[in-house]
N, C-alpha and C. Protein backbone atom coordinates (compact mmCIF):
# COMPACT_ATOMS: atom_id res chain seq x y z
N MET A 1 -5.55 -14.21 12.80
CA MET A 1 -5.21 -14.87 11.86
C MET A 1 -6.32 -14.66 10.88
N GLY A 2 -5.99 -15.07 9.73
CA GLY A 2 -7.49 -15.51 8.60
C GLY A 2 -7.50 -17.13 8.85
N GLY A 3 -9.02 -17.07 8.70
CA GLY A 3 -9.08 -18.96 9.22
C GLY A 3 -8.46 -19.81 8.22
N TRP A 4 -8.32 -19.52 6.52
CA TRP A 4 -7.79 -20.59 5.81
C TRP A 4 -6.46 -20.53 6.09
N LYS A 5 -5.41 -19.78 6.57
CA LYS A 5 -3.91 -19.76 6.75
C LYS A 5 -4.14 -20.16 8.20
N ARG A 6 -4.47 -19.89 9.45
CA ARG A 6 -5.15 -21.12 10.74
C ARG A 6 -5.09 -22.25 10.28
N GLU A 7 -5.73 -22.64 9.16
CA GLU A 7 -6.72 -24.18 9.02
C GLU A 7 -5.13 -24.68 8.64
N PHE A 8 -4.59 -23.87 8.00
CA PHE A 8 -3.79 -24.33 7.21
C PHE A 8 -2.48 -25.01 8.25
N LEU A 9 -2.17 -23.89 8.89
CA LEU A 9 -1.20 -24.16 9.99
C LEU A 9 -0.99 -25.06 11.04
N GLU A 10 -2.20 -25.60 11.04
CA GLU A 10 -2.96 -27.12 11.67
C GLU A 10 -3.06 -28.11 11.42
N HIS A 11 -3.42 -27.75 9.98
CA HIS A 11 -2.52 -29.70 9.55
C HIS A 11 -1.38 -30.08 9.11
N THR A 12 -0.41 -28.46 9.49
CA THR A 12 1.28 -28.90 8.49
C THR A 12 1.78 -29.22 9.83
N SER A 13 3.27 -30.20 9.37
CA SER A 13 3.78 -30.66 9.95
C SER A 13 4.80 -29.53 10.91
N ASN A 14 4.96 -28.56 10.23
CA ASN A 14 6.40 -27.70 10.40
C ASN A 14 5.21 -27.06 11.51
N LYS A 15 6.58 -26.91 13.17
CA LYS A 15 6.12 -26.28 14.35
C LYS A 15 6.31 -24.90 14.27
N ASP A 16 7.10 -24.35 13.42
CA ASP A 16 7.34 -23.03 13.54
C ASP A 16 5.88 -22.39 12.99
N VAL A 17 4.85 -22.64 12.90
CA VAL A 17 4.51 -21.52 12.43
C VAL A 17 3.99 -20.05 12.53
N ASP A 18 5.02 -20.01 13.22
CA ASP A 18 5.22 -18.09 13.01
C ASP A 18 6.33 -17.94 11.85
N ASN A 19 7.32 -18.61 11.49
CA ASN A 19 7.66 -18.12 10.22
C ASN A 19 7.32 -19.03 9.19
N PHE A 20 5.98 -19.70 8.93
CA PHE A 20 5.80 -20.08 7.67
C PHE A 20 6.48 -19.66 6.87
N PRO A 21 6.81 -19.88 5.42
CA PRO A 21 6.58 -19.02 4.19
C PRO A 21 5.53 -18.59 3.71
N PHE A 22 4.66 -17.68 3.68
CA PHE A 22 3.60 -17.28 3.08
C PHE A 22 3.73 -16.89 2.44
N VAL A 23 3.52 -16.36 1.63
CA VAL A 23 3.18 -15.28 0.35
C VAL A 23 1.36 -15.23 -0.83
N LEU A 24 0.99 -13.83 -0.48
CA LEU A 24 -0.19 -14.14 -1.20
C LEU A 24 0.06 -13.70 -2.66
N VAL A 25 -0.48 -14.32 -3.44
CA VAL A 25 -0.43 -14.00 -4.84
C VAL A 25 -1.84 -13.47 -5.18
N GLY A 26 -2.50 -12.86 -6.37
CA GLY A 26 -3.86 -12.52 -6.66
C GLY A 26 -3.38 -12.81 -8.26
N ASN A 27 -4.05 -14.03 -8.20
CA ASN A 27 -3.55 -13.96 -9.97
C ASN A 27 -4.70 -13.80 -11.05
N LYS A 28 -4.59 -13.60 -12.50
CA LYS A 28 -5.67 -13.61 -13.44
C LYS A 28 -5.40 -11.61 -13.49
N VAL A 29 -4.35 -11.22 -12.87
CA VAL A 29 -4.10 -9.53 -13.49
C VAL A 29 -4.67 -8.70 -13.74
N ASP A 30 -4.34 -10.16 -15.54
CA ASP A 30 -4.22 -9.85 -16.82
C ASP A 30 -6.13 -9.71 -17.43
N ARG A 31 -7.31 -9.38 -16.03
CA ARG A 31 -8.66 -9.56 -16.13
C ARG A 31 -9.13 -8.62 -15.16
N GLU A 32 -8.11 -7.58 -15.20
CA GLU A 32 -9.20 -6.29 -14.41
C GLU A 32 -10.13 -6.45 -14.22
N GLU A 33 -10.88 -6.20 -15.45
CA GLU A 33 -12.94 -6.63 -14.85
C GLU A 33 -13.34 -7.47 -14.12
N ASP A 34 -12.59 -8.82 -14.05
CA ASP A 34 -12.75 -9.71 -13.10
C ASP A 34 -12.69 -9.34 -11.71
N ARG A 35 -11.89 -8.21 -11.32
CA ARG A 35 -11.61 -8.37 -9.96
C ARG A 35 -12.50 -8.43 -8.69
N ARG A 36 -11.95 -9.35 -7.79
CA ARG A 36 -12.58 -9.40 -6.62
C ARG A 36 -12.36 -8.86 -5.35
N VAL A 37 -11.17 -8.63 -5.58
CA VAL A 37 -10.32 -8.53 -4.01
C VAL A 37 -9.31 -6.78 -4.64
N SER A 38 -9.46 -5.74 -4.25
CA SER A 38 -9.45 -4.55 -3.68
C SER A 38 -7.39 -4.74 -3.91
N PRO A 39 -6.19 -4.28 -4.53
CA PRO A 39 -5.32 -4.31 -4.14
C PRO A 39 -5.11 -3.98 -2.77
N GLU A 40 -5.87 -2.66 -2.48
CA GLU A 40 -5.64 -2.51 -1.25
C GLU A 40 -6.17 -3.13 -0.14
N LYS A 41 -7.12 -3.85 -0.36
CA LYS A 41 -7.72 -5.07 1.04
C LYS A 41 -6.70 -5.91 1.28
N ALA A 42 -6.16 -6.16 -0.45
CA ALA A 42 -5.23 -7.65 -0.30
C ALA A 42 -3.81 -7.24 1.08
N LYS A 43 -3.45 -5.82 0.44
CA LYS A 43 -1.90 -5.73 1.31
C LYS A 43 -2.69 -5.40 2.69
N ALA A 44 -3.72 -4.82 3.26
CA ALA A 44 -4.08 -4.81 4.46
C ALA A 44 -4.12 -6.31 5.49
N TRP A 45 -4.71 -6.87 4.35
CA TRP A 45 -4.76 -8.82 4.80
C TRP A 45 -3.05 -8.86 4.90
N CYS A 46 -2.44 -8.98 4.06
CA CYS A 46 -1.16 -8.95 4.43
C CYS A 46 -0.15 -8.58 5.72
N LYS A 47 -0.58 -7.33 5.52
CA LYS A 47 -0.08 -6.26 6.96
C LYS A 47 -0.45 -7.02 7.95
N ALA A 48 -2.43 -7.38 7.95
CA ALA A 48 -2.42 -7.78 9.63
C ALA A 48 -2.14 -9.44 9.62
N ASN A 49 -1.63 -9.73 8.97
CA ASN A 49 -1.35 -11.03 8.79
C ASN A 49 0.38 -11.40 9.24
N GLY A 50 0.99 -10.64 9.44
CA GLY A 50 2.38 -10.92 9.50
C GLY A 50 3.55 -10.18 8.39
N ASN A 51 2.77 -9.36 7.94
CA ASN A 51 3.64 -8.78 6.87
C ASN A 51 3.74 -9.70 5.35
N VAL A 52 2.63 -10.68 4.76
CA VAL A 52 3.11 -11.62 4.07
C VAL A 52 3.42 -11.21 2.56
N PRO A 53 4.38 -11.60 2.59
CA PRO A 53 4.81 -10.64 0.52
C PRO A 53 3.05 -10.68 -0.44
N TYR A 54 2.71 -9.56 -0.77
CA TYR A 54 1.97 -10.20 -1.96
C TYR A 54 2.28 -9.70 -3.24
N PHE A 55 1.70 -10.35 -4.60
CA PHE A 55 2.35 -10.35 -5.27
C PHE A 55 0.77 -10.27 -6.60
N GLU A 56 0.41 -9.74 -7.03
CA GLU A 56 -0.47 -9.43 -8.69
C GLU A 56 -0.02 -10.49 -9.87
N ALA A 57 -0.49 -11.54 -10.00
CA ALA A 57 0.32 -12.07 -11.10
C ALA A 57 -0.60 -12.53 -12.15
N SER A 58 0.22 -12.86 -13.04
CA SER A 58 -0.69 -13.79 -14.23
C SER A 58 -0.23 -15.01 -14.55
N ALA A 59 -1.24 -16.37 -14.75
CA ALA A 59 -0.27 -17.26 -14.97
C ALA A 59 -0.35 -17.23 -16.76
N LYS A 60 -1.81 -16.66 -17.43
CA LYS A 60 -1.62 -16.47 -18.81
C LYS A 60 -0.22 -15.73 -19.54
N THR A 61 0.43 -14.51 -18.73
CA THR A 61 1.34 -13.83 -19.09
C THR A 61 2.55 -14.02 -18.86
N GLY A 62 2.79 -14.57 -17.37
CA GLY A 62 3.56 -14.56 -16.61
C GLY A 62 4.22 -13.39 -15.68
N THR A 63 3.08 -12.59 -15.55
CA THR A 63 3.24 -11.46 -14.31
C THR A 63 3.59 -11.79 -13.28
N SER A 64 4.56 -11.87 -12.80
CA SER A 64 5.44 -11.80 -11.35
C SER A 64 5.28 -13.38 -11.18
N VAL A 65 5.27 -14.33 -12.03
CA VAL A 65 5.14 -15.36 -11.66
C VAL A 65 6.29 -15.94 -10.78
N ASN A 66 7.77 -15.91 -11.81
CA ASN A 66 8.98 -15.84 -10.94
C ASN A 66 8.98 -14.90 -10.05
N GLU A 67 8.95 -13.79 -9.73
CA GLU A 67 8.56 -13.68 -8.42
C GLU A 67 8.37 -13.52 -7.04
N ALA A 68 7.26 -14.54 -7.15
CA ALA A 68 6.59 -15.16 -5.90
C ALA A 68 6.82 -16.30 -5.87
N PHE A 69 7.31 -17.13 -7.10
CA PHE A 69 8.01 -18.15 -6.41
C PHE A 69 9.62 -18.32 -6.18
N MET A 70 9.66 -16.53 -6.44
CA MET A 70 11.27 -16.97 -5.77
C MET A 70 11.06 -16.01 -4.46
N THR A 71 10.24 -15.36 -4.27
CA THR A 71 10.37 -14.83 -2.80
C THR A 71 9.47 -16.10 -1.76
N VAL A 72 8.86 -16.88 -2.04
CA VAL A 72 8.74 -17.80 -1.12
C VAL A 72 9.57 -19.05 -1.02
N ALA A 73 10.10 -19.50 -1.92
CA ALA A 73 11.68 -20.30 -1.94
C ALA A 73 12.80 -19.72 -0.92
N GLU A 74 12.97 -18.18 -1.49
CA GLU A 74 14.09 -17.19 -0.07
C GLU A 74 13.16 -17.34 1.07
N LEU A 75 12.20 -17.18 1.31
CA LEU A 75 11.61 -17.60 2.78
C LEU A 75 11.96 -18.91 3.48
N ALA A 76 11.49 -19.77 2.39
CA ALA A 76 11.75 -21.04 3.25
C ALA A 76 12.98 -21.65 3.26
N LEU A 77 14.61 -21.33 2.78
CA LEU A 77 15.58 -21.13 3.24
C LEU A 77 15.87 -19.95 4.03
N LYS A 78 15.18 -19.30 4.16
CA LYS A 78 15.77 -18.58 5.67
C LYS A 78 15.22 -19.22 6.45
N ASN A 79 14.29 -19.25 6.77
CA ASN A 79 13.90 -20.15 7.71
C ASN A 79 14.50 -21.26 7.89
N ARG A 80 14.51 -22.04 7.28
CA ARG A 80 15.54 -23.21 7.03
C ARG A 80 16.54 -23.17 7.83
N LYS A 81 17.19 -22.09 7.84
CA LYS A 81 18.74 -21.87 7.87
C LYS A 81 18.19 -21.53 9.48
N SER A 82 17.58 -20.98 10.14
CA SER A 82 17.18 -19.99 10.92
C SER A 82 16.65 -21.24 12.35
N THR A 83 16.28 -22.47 11.50
CA THR A 83 15.90 -23.65 12.51
C THR A 83 16.64 -24.85 12.88
N VAL A 84 18.00 -24.99 11.94
CA VAL A 84 18.78 -25.91 11.82
C VAL A 84 19.77 -25.47 12.60
């Protein structure tokens, strides 16, 4: 598991760490010339970390912002229902 993800889960009160609703959002897709992580590398990380949904977004243009938030909300609701 990625270092930041493990550290986050260690500090959360959620006991069901295997089902925590993560998404990975690469921001500033509107600034391709400044890219630091390739889509392939990001997707590989997502696959290696439990098939985390991946979005390339732009806060400036709104690209994929709603989709990312809706996905994490849907995952959270799904996980909440399975623990109740």
